[in-house]
Amino acid sequence: MGFSKNDVAGLFQASPNVMPGEDSRPLVYRRPVGWTIRVRRIDCLLTDIQAEIERLQQERTHLRLVRRELTGNDA
């Protein structure tokens, strides 16, 4: 008795034209769709974080310039 694609989540049988022999159809692991969605969400979150870091770095640079101008005017 063998597994069918409904017996084990995340597994499917390879196409017979890919595998040698008529009856050889081993199970091949396939990543669940939920993982792919989570990875995409994490990628988007990381992209947003990187954009925020870059914005904060630009703001820091701007504030340094403003400080230099203010200290230059006081001297």
PDB file of N, CA and C in Angstrom:
ATOM      1  N   MET A   1       0.850  -1.187   0.000  1.00  0.00           N
ATOM      2  CA  MET A   1       0.000   0.000   0.000  1.00  0.00           C
ATOM      3  C   MET A   1       0.888   1.240   0.000  1.00  0.00           C
ATOM      4  N   GLY A   2       0.700   2.166  -0.929  1.00  0.00           N
ATOM      5  CA  GLY A   2       1.536   3.355  -1.037  1.00  0.00           C
ATOM      6  C   GLY A   2       0.757   4.603  -0.674  1.00  0.00           C
ATOM      7  N   PHE A   3       1.486   5.703  -0.564  1.00  0.00           N
ATOM      8  CA  PHE A   3       0.870   6.986  -0.273  1.00  0.00           C
ATOM      9  C   PHE A   3       0.275   7.574  -1.545  1.00  0.00           C
ATOM     10  N   SER A   4      -0.809   8.299  -1.376  1.00  0.00           N
ATOM     11  CA  SER A   4      -1.324   9.095  -2.485  1.00  0.00           C
ATOM     12  C   SER A   4      -1.054  10.550  -2.143  1.00  0.00           C
ATOM     13  N   LYS A   5      -1.272  11.448  -3.078  1.00  0.00           N
ATOM     14  CA  LYS A   5      -0.966  12.850  -2.816  1.00  0.00           C
ATOM     15  C   LYS A   5      -1.865  13.432  -1.728  1.00  0.00           C
ATOM     16  N   ASN A   6      -3.002  12.793  -1.442  1.00  0.00           N
ATOM     17  CA  ASN A   6      -3.887  13.265  -0.392  1.00  0.00           C
ATOM     18  C   ASN A   6      -3.494  12.732   0.979  1.00  0.00           C
ATOM     19  N   ASP A   7      -2.629  11.729   1.034  1.00  0.00           N
ATOM     20  CA  ASP A   7      -2.255  11.123   2.307  1.00  0.00           C
ATOM     21  C   ASP A   7      -1.240  11.956   3.076  1.00  0.00           C
ATOM     22  N   VAL A   8      -0.349  12.646   2.386  1.00  0.00           N
ATOM     23  CA  VAL A   8       0.727  13.374   3.041  1.00  0.00           C
ATOM     24  C   VAL A   8       0.722  14.814   2.541  1.00  0.00           C
ATOM     25  N   ALA A   9       0.519  15.757   3.467  1.00  0.00           N
ATOM     26  CA  ALA A   9       0.498  17.173   3.083  1.00  0.00           C
ATOM     27  C   ALA A   9       1.875  17.609   2.621  1.00  0.00           C
ATOM     28  N   GLY A  10       1.913  18.417   1.574  1.00  0.00           N
ATOM     29  CA  GLY A  10       3.166  18.962   1.082  1.00  0.00           C
ATOM     30  C   GLY A  10       3.930  18.030   0.173  1.00  0.00           C
ATOM     31  N   LEU A  11       3.359  16.912  -0.226  1.00  0.00           N
ATOM     32  CA  LEU A  11       4.047  15.985  -1.114  1.00  0.00           C
ATOM     33  C   LEU A  11       3.223  15.777  -2.375  1.00  0.00           C
ATOM     34  N   PHE A  12       3.898  15.515  -3.483  1.00  0.00           N
ATOM     35  CA  PHE A  12       3.187  15.163  -4.697  1.00  0.00           C
ATOM     36  C   PHE A  12       4.024  14.166  -5.471  1.00  0.00           C
ATOM     37  N   GLN A  13       3.384  13.499  -6.409  1.00  0.00           N
ATOM     38  CA  GLN A  13       4.109  12.512  -7.197  1.00  0.00           C
ATOM     39  C   GLN A  13       4.639  13.165  -8.465  1.00  0.00           C
ATOM     40  N   ALA A  14       5.882  12.841  -8.794  1.00  0.00           N
ATOM     41  CA  ALA A  14       6.507  13.399  -9.996  1.00  0.00           C
ATOM     42  C   ALA A  14       5.849  12.822 -11.237  1.00  0.00           C
ATOM     43  N   SER A  15       5.881  13.575 -12.301  1.00  0.00           N
ATOM     44  CA  SER A  15       5.321  13.131 -13.563  1.00  0.00           C
ATOM     45  C   SER A  15       6.098  11.925 -14.078  1.00  0.00           C
ATOM     46  N   PRO A  16       5.412  10.931 -14.647  1.00  0.00           N
ATOM     47  CA  PRO A  16       6.110   9.727 -15.112  1.00  0.00           C
ATOM     48  C   PRO A  16       7.086   9.999 -16.250  1.00  0.00           C
ATOM     49  N   ASN A  17       6.871  11.044 -17.041  1.00  0.00           N
ATOM     50  CA  ASN A  17       7.803  11.313 -18.134  1.00  0.00           C
ATOM     51  C   ASN A  17       9.109  11.925 -17.630  1.00  0.00           C
ATOM     52  N   VAL A  18       9.154  12.336 -16.364  1.00  0.00           N
ATOM     53  CA  VAL A  18      10.366  12.876 -15.774  1.00  0.00           C
ATOM     54  C   VAL A  18      11.192  11.762 -15.150  1.00  0.00           C
ATOM     55  N   MET A  19      10.522  10.722 -14.650  1.00  0.00           N
ATOM     56  CA  MET A  19      11.189   9.650 -13.926  1.00  0.00           C
ATOM     57  C   MET A  19      11.432   8.457 -14.847  1.00  0.00           C
ATOM     58  N   PRO A  20      12.566   7.755 -14.680  1.00  0.00           N
ATOM     59  CA  PRO A  20      12.819   6.564 -15.491  1.00  0.00           C
ATOM     60  C   PRO A  20      11.918   5.407 -15.061  1.00  0.00           C
ATOM     61  N   GLY A  21      11.490   4.630 -15.998  1.00  0.00           N
ATOM     62  CA  GLY A  21      10.639   3.472 -15.695  1.00  0.00           C
ATOM     63  C   GLY A  21       9.175   3.856 -15.659  1.00  0.00           C
ATOM     64  N   GLU A  22       8.316   2.894 -15.964  1.00  0.00           N
ATOM     65  CA  GLU A  22       6.890   3.184 -16.031  1.00  0.00           C
ATOM     66  C   GLU A  22       6.254   3.340 -14.660  1.00  0.00           C
ATOM     67  N   ASP A  23       6.649   2.517 -13.690  1.00  0.00           N
ATOM     68  CA  ASP A  23       5.970   2.510 -12.402  1.00  0.00           C
ATOM     69  C   ASP A  23       6.672   3.343 -11.336  1.00  0.00           C
ATOM     70  N   SER A  24       7.814   3.916 -11.634  1.00  0.00           N
ATOM     71  CA  SER A  24       8.529   4.667 -10.598  1.00  0.00           C
ATOM     72  C   SER A  24       7.990   6.090 -10.532  1.00  0.00           C
ATOM     73  N   ARG A  25       7.321   6.400  -9.461  1.00  0.00           N
ATOM     74  CA  ARG A  25       6.776   7.735  -9.222  1.00  0.00           C
ATOM     75  C   ARG A  25       7.038   8.107  -7.764  1.00  0.00           C
ATOM     76  N   PRO A  26       8.277   8.447  -7.423  1.00  0.00           N
ATOM     77  CA  PRO A  26       8.584   8.746  -6.021  1.00  0.00           C
ATOM     78  C   PRO A  26       7.925  10.046  -5.573  1.00  0.00           C
ATOM     79  N   LEU A  27       7.721  10.167  -4.266  1.00  0.00           N
ATOM     80  CA  LEU A  27       7.158  11.382  -3.709  1.00  0.00           C
ATOM     81  C   LEU A  27       8.233  12.462  -3.674  1.00  0.00           C
ATOM     82  N   VAL A  28       7.855  13.672  -4.036  1.00  0.00           N
ATOM     83  CA  VAL A  28       8.774  14.805  -4.069  1.00  0.00           C
ATOM     84  C   VAL A  28       8.216  15.867  -3.131  1.00  0.00           C
ATOM     85  N   TYR A  29       9.089  16.456  -2.293  1.00  0.00           N
ATOM     86  CA  TYR A  29       8.638  17.464  -1.343  1.00  0.00           C
ATOM     87  C   TYR A  29       8.321  18.771  -2.056  1.00  0.00           C
ATOM     88  N   ARG A  30       7.223  19.373  -1.692  1.00  0.00           N
ATOM     89  CA  ARG A  30       6.821  20.679  -2.224  1.00  0.00           C
ATOM     90  C   ARG A  30       6.532  21.598  -1.043  1.00  0.00           C
ATOM     91  N   ARG A  31       7.031  22.825  -1.088  1.00  0.00           N
ATOM     92  CA  ARG A  31       6.831  23.770   0.001  1.00  0.00           C
ATOM     93  C   ARG A  31       5.353  24.155   0.079  1.00  0.00           C
ATOM     94  N   PRO A  32       4.757  24.114   1.270  1.00  0.00           N
ATOM     95  CA  PRO A  32       3.355  24.523   1.408  1.00  0.00           C
ATOM     96  C   PRO A  32       3.162  25.984   1.018  1.00  0.00           C
ATOM     97  N   VAL A  33       1.991  26.289   0.496  1.00  0.00           N
ATOM     98  CA  VAL A  33       1.684  27.641   0.028  1.00  0.00           C
ATOM     99  C   VAL A  33       1.766  28.639   1.179  1.00  0.00           C
ATOM    100  N   GLY A  34       1.356  28.230   2.374  1.00  0.00           N
ATOM    101  CA  GLY A  34       1.398  29.126   3.528  1.00  0.00           C
ATOM    102  C   GLY A  34       2.794  29.647   3.804  1.00  0.00           C
ATOM    103  N   TRP A  35       3.803  28.812   3.632  1.00  0.00           N
ATOM    104  CA  TRP A  35       5.188  29.240   3.847  1.00  0.00           C
ATOM    105  C   TRP A  35       5.576  30.301   2.835  1.00  0.00           C
ATOM    106  N   THR A  36       5.181  30.104   1.595  1.00  0.00           N
ATOM    107  CA  THR A  36       5.522  31.058   0.540  1.00  0.00           C
ATOM    108  C   THR A  36       4.909  32.421   0.847  1.00  0.00           C
ATOM    109  N   ILE A  37       3.670  32.423   1.306  1.00  0.00           N
ATOM    110  CA  ILE A  37       3.001  33.680   1.643  1.00  0.00           C
ATOM    111  C   ILE A  37       3.711  34.352   2.807  1.00  0.00           C
ATOM    112  N   ARG A  38       4.089  33.574   3.833  1.00  0.00           N
ATOM    113  CA  ARG A  38       4.809  34.150   4.973  1.00  0.00           C
ATOM    114  C   ARG A  38       6.148  34.734   4.549  1.00  0.00           C
ATOM    115  N   VAL A  39       6.858  34.024   3.692  1.00  0.00           N
ATOM    116  CA  VAL A  39       8.158  34.517   3.223  1.00  0.00           C
ATOM    117  C   VAL A  39       7.975  35.827   2.465  1.00  0.00           C
ATOM    118  N   ARG A  40       6.948  35.920   1.638  1.00  0.00           N
ATOM    119  CA  ARG A  40       6.690  37.167   0.903  1.00  0.00           C
ATOM    120  C   ARG A  40       6.377  38.305   1.862  1.00  0.00           C
ATOM    121  N   ARG A  41       5.576  38.009   2.904  1.00  0.00           N
ATOM    122  CA  ARG A  41       5.243  39.046   3.886  1.00  0.00           C
ATOM    123  C   ARG A  41       6.490  39.504   4.628  1.00  0.00           C
ATOM    124  N   ILE A  42       7.352  38.558   4.990  1.00  0.00           N
ATOM    125  CA  ILE A  42       8.596  38.908   5.671  1.00  0.00           C
ATOM    126  C   ILE A  42       9.472  39.752   4.753  1.00  0.00           C
ATOM    127  N   ASP A  43       9.549  39.380   3.469  1.00  0.00           N
ATOM    128  CA  ASP A  43      10.329  40.166   2.505  1.00  0.00           C
ATOM    129  C   ASP A  43       9.801  41.597   2.409  1.00  0.00           C
ATOM    130  N   CYS A  44       8.478  41.742   2.363  1.00  0.00           N
ATOM    131  CA  CYS A  44       7.880  43.081   2.293  1.00  0.00           C
ATOM    132  C   CYS A  44       8.173  43.865   3.568  1.00  0.00           C
ATOM    133  N   LEU A  45       8.073  43.197   4.713  1.00  0.00           N
ATOM    134  CA  LEU A  45       8.359  43.850   5.981  1.00  0.00           C
ATOM    135  C   LEU A  45       9.810  44.315   6.032  1.00  0.00           C
ATOM    136  N   LEU A  46      10.728  43.469   5.596  1.00  0.00           N
ATOM    137  CA  LEU A  46      12.144  43.841   5.583  1.00  0.00           C
ATOM    138  C   LEU A  46      12.410  45.004   4.634  1.00  0.00           C
ATOM    139  N   THR A  47      11.724  45.029   3.503  1.00  0.00           N
ATOM    140  CA  THR A  47      11.860  46.140   2.558  1.00  0.00           C
ATOM    141  C   THR A  47      11.371  47.437   3.191  1.00  0.00           C
ATOM    142  N   ASP A  48      10.236  47.369   3.897  1.00  0.00           N
ATOM    143  CA  ASP A  48       9.715  48.554   4.584  1.00  0.00           C
ATOM    144  C   ASP A  48      10.680  49.034   5.666  1.00  0.00           C
ATOM    145  N   ILE A  49      11.245  48.094   6.417  1.00  0.00           N
ATOM    146  CA  ILE A  49      12.198  48.455   7.468  1.00  0.00           C
ATOM    147  C   ILE A  49      13.435  49.111   6.864  1.00  0.00           C
ATOM    148  N   GLN A  50      13.929  48.557   5.761  1.00  0.00           N
ATOM    149  CA  GLN A  50      15.100  49.134   5.096  1.00  0.00           C
ATOM    150  C   GLN A  50      14.808  50.551   4.610  1.00  0.00           C
ATOM    151  N   ALA A  51      13.621  50.772   4.059  1.00  0.00           N
ATOM    152  CA  ALA A  51      13.247  52.113   3.602  1.00  0.00           C
ATOM    153  C   ALA A  51      13.181  53.079   4.781  1.00  0.00           C
ATOM    154  N   GLU A  52      12.651  52.620   5.908  1.00  0.00           N
ATOM    155  CA  GLU A  52      12.576  53.474   7.102  1.00  0.00           C
ATOM    156  C   GLU A  52      13.971  53.798   7.633  1.00  0.00           C
ATOM    157  N   ILE A  53      14.865  52.826   7.621  1.00  0.00           N
ATOM    158  CA  ILE A  53      16.251  53.060   8.049  1.00  0.00           C
ATOM    159  C   ILE A  53      16.900  54.121   7.163  1.00  0.00           C
ATOM    160  N   GLU A  54      16.707  54.012   5.852  1.00  0.00           N
ATOM    161  CA  GLU A  54      17.288  54.989   4.928  1.00  0.00           C
ATOM    162  C   GLU A  54      16.706  56.378   5.161  1.00  0.00           C
ATOM    163  N   ARG A  55      15.403  56.451   5.433  1.00  0.00           N
ATOM    164  CA  ARG A  55      14.769  57.741   5.707  1.00  0.00           C
ATOM    165  C   ARG A  55      15.341  58.358   6.980  1.00  0.00           C
ATOM    166  N   LEU A  56      15.517  57.537   8.014  1.00  0.00           N
ATOM    167  CA  LEU A  56      16.077  58.032   9.272  1.00  0.00           C
ATOM    168  C   LEU A  56      17.529  58.479   9.110  1.00  0.00           C
ATOM    169  N   GLN A  57      18.287  57.778   8.279  1.00  0.00           N
ATOM    170  CA  GLN A  57      19.671  58.192   8.019  1.00  0.00           C
ATOM    171  C   GLN A  57      19.712  59.544   7.312  1.00  0.00           C
ATOM    172  N   GLN A  58      18.795  59.755   6.369  1.00  0.00           N
ATOM    173  CA  GLN A  58      18.729  61.048   5.680  1.00  0.00           C
ATOM    174  C   GLN A  58      18.331  62.153   6.659  1.00  0.00           C
ATOM    175  N   GLU A  59      17.395  61.830   7.544  1.00  0.00           N
ATOM    176  CA  GLU A  59      16.970  62.809   8.552  1.00  0.00           C
ATOM    177  C   GLU A  59      18.129  63.158   9.489  1.00  0.00           C
ATOM    178  N   ARG A  60      18.914  62.164   9.879  1.00  0.00           N
ATOM    179  CA  ARG A  60      20.077  62.405  10.737  1.00  0.00           C
ATOM    180  C   ARG A  60      21.076  63.329  10.034  1.00  0.00           C
ATOM    181  N   THR A  61      21.318  63.066   8.753  1.00  0.00           N
ATOM    182  CA  THR A  61      22.233  63.911   7.980  1.00  0.00           C
ATOM    183  C   THR A  61      21.715  65.348   7.923  1.00  0.00           C
ATOM    184  N   HIS A  62      20.424  65.495   7.685  1.00  0.00           N
ATOM    185  CA  HIS A  62      19.818  66.831   7.631  1.00  0.00           C
ATOM    186  C   HIS A  62      19.963  67.537   8.978  1.00  0.00           C
ATOM    187  N   LEU A  63      19.711  66.831  10.073  1.00  0.00           N
ATOM    188  CA  LEU A  63      19.824  67.442  11.398  1.00  0.00           C
ATOM    189  C   LEU A  63      21.259  67.849  11.713  1.00  0.00           C
ATOM    190  N   ARG A  64      22.226  67.070  11.264  1.00  0.00           N
ATOM    191  CA  ARG A  64      23.635  67.452  11.450  1.00  0.00           C
ATOM    192  C   ARG A  64      23.936  68.770  10.732  1.00  0.00           C
ATOM    193  N   LEU A  65      23.419  68.896   9.502  1.00  0.00           N
ATOM    194  CA  LEU A  65      23.633  70.139   8.749  1.00  0.00           C
ATOM    195  C   LEU A  65      22.991  71.329   9.455  1.00  0.00           C
ATOM    196  N   VAL A  66      21.789  71.128   9.983  1.00  0.00           N
ATOM    197  CA  VAL A  66      21.101  72.203  10.695  1.00  0.00           C
ATOM    198  C   VAL A  66      21.890  72.588  11.939  1.00  0.00           C
ATOM    199  N   ARG A  67      22.399  71.609  12.681  1.00  0.00           N
ATOM    200  CA  ARG A  67      23.203  71.897  13.876  1.00  0.00           C
ATOM    201  C   ARG A  67      24.453  72.704  13.516  1.00  0.00           C
ATOM    202  N   ARG A  68      25.118  72.306  12.430  1.00  0.00           N
ATOM    203  CA  ARG A  68      26.325  73.037  12.001  1.00  0.00           C
ATOM    204  C   ARG A  68      25.997  74.489  11.670  1.00  0.00           C
ATOM    205  N   GLU A  69      24.872  74.687  10.992  1.00  0.00           N
ATOM    206  CA  GLU A  69      24.469  76.056  10.652  1.00  0.00           C
ATOM    207  C   GLU A  69      24.176  76.861  11.908  1.00  0.00           C
ATOM    208  N   LEU A  70      23.481  76.232  12.869  1.00  0.00           N
ATOM    209  CA  LEU A  70      23.135  76.944  14.098  1.00  0.00           C
ATOM    210  C   LEU A  70      24.372  77.270  14.929  1.00  0.00           C
ATOM    211  N   THR A  71      25.297  76.329  15.031  1.00  0.00           N
ATOM    212  CA  THR A  71      26.515  76.591  15.803  1.00  0.00           C
ATOM    213  C   THR A  71      27.419  77.571  15.063  1.00  0.00           C
ATOM    214  N   GLY A  72      27.379  77.575  13.758  1.00  0.00           N
ATOM    215  CA  GLY A  72      28.177  78.514  12.969  1.00  0.00           C
ATOM    216  C   GLY A  72      27.667  79.930  13.110  1.00  0.00           C
ATOM    217  N   ASN A  73      26.351  80.115  13.254  1.00  0.00           N
ATOM    218  CA  ASN A  73      25.759  81.443  13.400  1.00  0.00           C
ATOM    219  C   ASN A  73      25.992  82.009  14.794  1.00  0.00           C
ATOM    220  N   ASP A  74      26.111  81.144  15.791  1.00  0.00           N
ATOM    221  CA  ASP A  74      26.306  81.602  17.169  1.00  0.00           C
ATOM    222  C   ASP A  74      27.741  82.039  17.427  1.00  0.00           C
ATOM    223  N   ALA A  75      28.706  81.523  16.661  1.00  0.00           N
ATOM    224  CA  ALA A  75      30.119  81.800  16.949  1.00  0.00           C
ATOM    225  C   ALA A  75      30.559  83.152  16.476  1.00  0.00           C
TER     226      ALA A  75
END
